[in-house]
Amino acid sequence: MLLMLQMRLKKIDMLMIATPFLKMLRNH
């Protein structure tokens, strides 16, 4: 159960990092 939570948090972290990157790429 704890492992599932950690995996989910990692996915959210990746999205938080990736979203601004994608926005920057689209602006160019």
Protein backbone atom coordinates (compact mmCIF):
# COMPACT_ATOMS: atom_id res chain seq x y z
CA MET A 1 0.00 0.00 0.00
CA LEU A 2 2.79 2.43 0.86
CA LEU A 3 4.58 1.50 -2.36
CA MET A 4 1.50 2.41 -4.41
CA LEU A 5 1.39 5.84 -2.77
CA GLN A 6 5.07 6.45 -3.46
CA MET A 7 4.62 5.47 -7.13
CA ARG A 8 1.67 7.84 -7.42
CA LEU A 9 3.64 10.70 -5.85
CA LYS A 10 6.50 10.06 -8.26
CA LYS A 11 4.08 10.23 -11.19
CA ILE A 12 2.69 13.54 -9.92
CA ASP A 13 6.22 14.92 -9.49
CA MET A 14 7.06 13.92 -13.07
CA LEU A 15 3.92 15.65 -14.36
CA MET A 16 4.67 18.81 -12.37
CA ILE A 17 8.16 18.91 -13.92
CA ALA A 18 7.02 17.94 -17.44
CA THR A 19 4.05 20.32 -17.75
CA PRO A 20 6.08 23.59 -17.74
CA PHE A 21 8.53 21.99 -20.17
CA LEU A 22 5.74 21.15 -22.62
CA LYS A 23 4.31 24.66 -22.32
CA MET A 24 7.71 26.17 -23.10
CA LEU A 25 8.12 23.89 -26.13
CA ARG A 26 4.69 24.89 -27.45
CA ASN A 27 5.45 28.61 -27.08
CA HIS A 28 8.53 28.35 -29.30
